[in-house]
Protein backbone atom coordinates (compact mmCIF):
# COMPACT_ATOMS: atom_id res chain seq x y z
CA MET A 1 0.05 0.06 -0.11
CA ASN A 2 1.03 3.86 -0.62
CA ILE A 3 0.65 6.53 1.54
CA ILE A 4 1.43 10.09 1.91
CA ILE A 5 2.10 11.32 5.14
CA SER A 6 2.48 15.42 5.01
CA GLY A 7 4.69 17.25 7.86
CA GLY A 8 6.60 14.04 8.06
CA SER A 9 9.82 14.67 9.48
CA LYS A 10 8.85 15.71 13.25
CA GLY A 11 6.44 15.26 15.51
CA LEU A 12 3.72 13.31 15.04
CA GLY A 13 4.13 13.19 11.49
CA LYS A 14 7.29 11.63 11.93
CA ASP A 15 6.39 8.85 14.44
CA LEU A 16 3.65 7.75 11.78
CA VAL A 17 5.89 7.46 8.74
CA SER A 18 8.38 5.11 11.14
CA LYS A 19 5.87 3.30 11.80
CA PHE A 20 4.11 2.69 8.39
CA LEU A 21 7.29 1.82 6.93
CA ASP A 22 8.02 -0.49 10.21
CA GLN A 23 5.09 -2.73 8.79
CA GLY A 24 5.85 -2.46 5.50
CA TYR A 25 3.77 0.27 3.72
CA ASN A 26 5.51 2.90 1.34
CA VAL A 27 5.63 5.86 2.32
CA ILE A 28 6.13 9.02 0.46
CA ASN A 29 6.93 11.89 3.14
CA LEU A 30 5.94 16.19 2.20
CA SER A 31 7.64 18.65 4.13
CA ARG A 32 9.49 21.72 4.57
CA THR A 33 12.71 19.69 5.44
CA TYR A 34 13.61 16.31 6.01
CA LYS A 35 15.94 14.56 8.60
CA ASN A 36 13.96 11.21 7.81
CA LYS A 37 16.62 7.35 8.05
CA LEU A 38 16.38 6.97 4.50
CA ARG A 39 14.93 3.40 3.54
CA ASN A 40 13.74 1.44 0.91
CA ASN A 41 10.03 2.20 1.22
CA LEU A 42 10.61 5.62 1.49
CA ILE A 43 9.87 8.80 -1.05
CA ASN A 44 11.30 12.38 0.77
CA TYR A 45 9.91 15.31 -0.75
CA LYS A 46 10.91 18.88 0.10
CA ILE A 47 8.61 21.24 -0.03
CA ASP A 48 5.99 23.94 1.03
CA LEU A 49 2.18 23.09 1.29
CA SER A 50 0.92 26.33 0.94
CA SER A 51 1.98 26.43 -2.04
CA GLU A 52 -0.68 25.62 -4.52
CA LYS A 53 1.74 25.50 -7.82
CA ASN A 54 4.14 23.18 -5.92
CA THR A 55 1.58 21.10 -3.89
CA LYS A 56 0.35 20.23 -7.66
CA LYS A 57 3.97 19.68 -9.29
CA ILE A 58 4.96 17.46 -6.64
CA ILE A 59 1.31 15.59 -7.35
CA ARG A 60 1.78 14.98 -10.32
CA LYS A 61 5.82 13.50 -9.68
CA ILE A 62 4.34 10.99 -7.33
CA LYS A 63 1.46 9.85 -10.10
CA LYS A 64 4.40 8.71 -12.17
CA LYS A 65 5.52 6.58 -9.85
CA TYR A 66 2.56 5.57 -8.07
CA SER A 67 -0.56 5.32 -10.04
CA LYS A 68 -2.66 4.75 -6.60
CA ILE A 69 -2.59 5.93 -3.29
CA ASN A 70 -4.47 3.96 -0.29
CA LEU A 71 -4.07 6.69 3.02
CA ILE A 72 -3.30 10.71 2.28
CA ILE A 73 -2.83 11.75 5.99
CA CYS A 74 -2.69 15.41 6.73
CA CYS A 75 -0.33 16.41 9.64
CA VAL A 76 1.39 19.66 8.84
CA GLY A 77 0.48 21.84 11.79
CA SER A 78 1.87 24.37 14.08
CA GLY A 79 0.62 26.23 17.57
CA LYS A 80 3.26 28.81 17.50
CA SER A 81 1.93 32.22 16.88
CA ALA A 82 1.31 36.15 18.72
CA SER A 83 -0.32 35.70 21.99
CA LEU A 84 -3.89 36.19 22.77
CA GLY A 85 -4.35 40.07 22.29
CA LYS A 86 -0.77 40.56 20.21
CA GLU A 87 -1.72 38.76 16.94
CA ASN A 88 -1.63 40.55 13.61
CA LYS A 89 -2.17 39.92 9.43
CA LYS A 90 0.90 38.00 9.25
CA SER A 91 0.11 36.02 12.28
CA TRP A 92 -3.27 34.72 10.78
CA ASP A 93 -1.53 34.35 7.60
CA HIS A 94 0.77 32.00 9.02
CA SER A 95 -0.99 29.56 10.86
CA PHE A 96 -3.46 28.95 8.05
CA SER A 97 -1.30 28.88 5.82
CA THR A 98 0.34 25.66 7.88
CA ASN A 99 -2.14 24.41 9.58
CA PHE A 100 -5.30 24.62 7.33
CA PHE A 101 -4.11 25.87 3.22
CA SER A 102 -1.31 22.29 3.52
CA ALA A 103 -3.91 20.26 3.49
CA THR A 104 -6.79 21.69 2.03
CA ASN A 105 -3.54 22.24 -0.99
CA LEU A 106 -2.45 18.45 -1.18
CA ILE A 107 -6.30 17.77 -0.76
CA GLU A 108 -7.17 19.37 -3.54
CA SER A 109 -4.26 18.43 -5.68
CA TYR A 110 -4.98 15.05 -5.28
CA LEU A 111 -8.50 14.80 -6.44
CA SER A 112 -7.66 16.80 -9.84
CA ILE A 113 -4.35 14.99 -10.73
CA TYR A 114 -5.93 11.48 -9.63
CA ASN A 115 -9.10 12.16 -10.75
CA TYR A 116 -11.22 11.67 -7.85
CA GLU A 117 -9.73 8.00 -7.57
CA ARG A 118 -10.99 6.14 -4.73
CA THR A 119 -8.85 6.57 -1.28
CA LYS A 120 -9.38 7.96 2.51
CA ILE A 121 -7.85 10.77 3.89
CA ILE A 122 -7.44 11.48 7.85
CA LEU A 123 -6.81 15.17 8.70
CA ILE A 124 -5.15 15.57 12.04
CA SER A 125 -6.43 18.25 13.52
CA SER A 126 -6.66 19.14 17.00
CA ILE A 127 -8.76 19.53 20.17
CA ALA A 128 -8.27 23.55 20.38
CA GLY A 129 -10.66 23.75 16.70
CA ALA A 130 -13.69 22.38 18.89
CA LYS A 131 -12.86 23.96 22.54
CA ILE A 132 -11.65 27.21 24.08
CA ILE A 133 -8.14 26.01 25.54
CA ASP A 134 -4.94 27.17 26.41
CA ALA A 135 -3.57 27.79 22.52
CA PRO A 136 -2.80 30.45 20.56
CA ILE A 137 -6.24 31.98 18.90
CA THR A 138 -4.55 32.03 14.73
CA TYR A 139 -4.26 27.91 15.54
CA SER A 140 -7.52 27.11 17.04
CA VAL A 141 -9.99 29.08 13.99
CA ALA A 142 -7.31 27.47 11.80
CA LYS A 143 -7.97 24.19 13.02
CA SER A 144 -12.10 24.99 13.68
CA ALA A 145 -12.01 26.02 9.38
CA LEU A 146 -10.03 23.00 9.05
CA ASN A 147 -12.75 20.37 11.04
CA PHE A 148 -15.63 22.43 9.11
CA TYR A 149 -13.97 22.02 5.58
CA GLY A 150 -13.19 17.95 6.55
CA LYS A 151 -17.29 17.57 7.01
CA MET A 152 -18.32 19.71 4.17
CA LYS A 153 -15.41 17.74 2.08
CA SER A 154 -16.52 14.55 3.00
CA LYS A 155 -20.12 14.41 1.80
CA TYR A 156 -19.44 15.78 -1.21
CA LEU A 157 -16.63 12.90 -1.45
CA ALA A 158 -18.85 9.68 -0.69
CA LYS A 159 -20.10 10.15 -4.26
CA ASN A 160 -16.97 8.74 -5.59
CA LYS A 161 -16.17 6.40 -2.51
CA ILE A 162 -13.46 8.40 -1.16
CA ASN A 163 -13.14 8.49 3.25
CA LEU A 164 -12.37 11.45 4.70
CA ASN A 165 -12.34 11.95 8.08
CA ILE A 166 -10.53 14.18 10.96
CA ILE A 167 -8.64 13.05 14.57
CA SER A 168 -8.68 15.45 16.64
CA PRO A 169 -5.42 14.60 19.41
CA GLY A 170 -5.25 16.29 22.70
CA ASN A 171 -2.04 16.90 24.72
CA ILE A 172 0.26 14.69 22.72
CA LEU A 173 3.70 13.42 24.88
CA GLN A 174 6.45 12.85 22.39
CA LYS A 175 10.28 12.82 23.55
CA ASN A 176 11.34 15.84 23.36
CA ASN A 177 8.40 16.97 22.06
CA VAL A 178 6.85 20.49 23.88
CA TRP A 179 5.38 18.58 27.37
CA ASP A 180 7.78 16.87 27.56
CA LYS A 181 10.42 19.49 27.42
CA LYS A 182 7.82 21.07 30.03
CA LEU A 183 7.63 18.26 32.10
CA LYS A 184 11.54 17.67 32.28
CA ARG A 185 11.06 21.55 33.69
CA ASN A 186 8.31 21.48 35.90
CA ASN A 187 7.41 18.05 36.17
CA LEU A 188 4.58 18.60 39.71
CA SER A 189 3.19 21.41 38.34
CA ILE A 190 2.63 19.49 34.92
CA LYS A 191 1.37 16.32 36.00
CA LYS A 192 -1.06 19.18 37.98
CA TYR A 193 -2.36 20.49 35.12
CA ILE A 194 -2.69 17.38 33.30
CA LYS A 195 -4.78 15.47 36.46
CA GLN A 196 -6.84 19.27 36.51
CA ASN A 197 -7.71 18.91 32.36
CA VAL A 198 -7.92 15.89 31.61
CA PRO A 199 -10.19 13.86 33.14
CA LEU A 200 -8.48 10.46 32.49
CA ASN A 201 -5.28 12.05 33.50
CA ALA A 202 -3.31 10.85 30.87
CA PHE A 203 -1.52 12.17 27.72
CA CYS A 204 -2.19 11.15 24.06
CA ASN A 205 0.77 9.36 22.38
CA THR A 206 1.36 8.25 18.61
CA ASN A 207 -0.09 4.63 19.09
CA GLN A 208 -3.23 5.59 20.02
CA ILE A 209 -2.78 7.64 16.87
CA TYR A 210 -1.41 5.65 14.86
CA ASP A 211 -3.51 2.45 15.73
CA LEU A 212 -6.60 5.09 14.60
CA CYS A 213 -5.39 5.39 11.39
CA LEU A 214 -4.78 1.71 10.98
CA TYR A 215 -8.85 1.15 11.62
CA LEU A 216 -9.62 3.29 9.08
CA LEU A 217 -7.01 2.47 6.43
CA SER A 218 -8.71 -0.73 7.26
CA GLU A 219 -11.55 -2.52 5.89
CA SER A 220 -13.69 -1.63 9.27
CA GLY A 221 -13.35 1.47 9.06
CA ASP A 222 -14.78 1.56 4.79
CA ASN A 223 -18.00 3.05 5.92
CA ILE A 224 -17.06 5.52 8.36
CA THR A 225 -16.46 9.05 6.75
CA GLY A 226 -17.13 12.53 8.30
CA SER A 227 -16.30 11.71 11.61
CA ASN A 228 -13.93 13.52 13.67
CA PHE A 229 -12.23 11.35 16.28
CA VAL A 230 -10.85 12.83 19.49
CA ILE A 231 -7.68 11.43 21.53
CA ASP A 232 -7.70 13.80 24.83
CA GLY A 233 -8.29 11.94 27.23
CA GLY A 234 -11.32 13.73 27.69
CA GLN A 235 -10.35 16.79 27.83
CA SER A 236 -12.86 18.63 25.90
CA LEU A 237 -16.21 17.05 27.86
């Protein structure tokens, strides 16, 4: 099977790339930079997906090598932005380019170049797109727009037997990511925050997201589309 993962060079995307590669899938990683260990079933393309022109160019290259794409995971995202009340056009543009247009450009380019061939698509969003939490407003609004796009697009694509679903993680804990660094700096304070805000008192981990991606890719996910799967330990309740 052939899988496209955007943003697969760091964070959640990098872990997903590694896990799919370990299971023998062919993975095409689309990201601005890449430091992934070279493997036989991995192809890296350096690209800024916020550019529609460049995205279509890369998808045309991919089609020459792979006539069939089984799964697309849109994983580009960044919560870095100006604090509340200090946002400006530059911060809004950055958040939407990274968290919204990087996904819509990839999906629309795939649809036009692969002529709406059947596949499965997963948008990686965030609970910040549906609930007011301690996240920049630009990031939250961009993820909210991505959620609504996913809902509307999934209904339209159903006639082509294309499944589009959303995964909204909460606080993801990975080695050397933001939460890991916060824990190392102030373990007691962060654990207290999680206990007070997350009913299950637990971080989200990449295995949980990967397992859900596998389920949606499998035959068991053939009758699921337009759903937003939340993995946050109950934080958004």
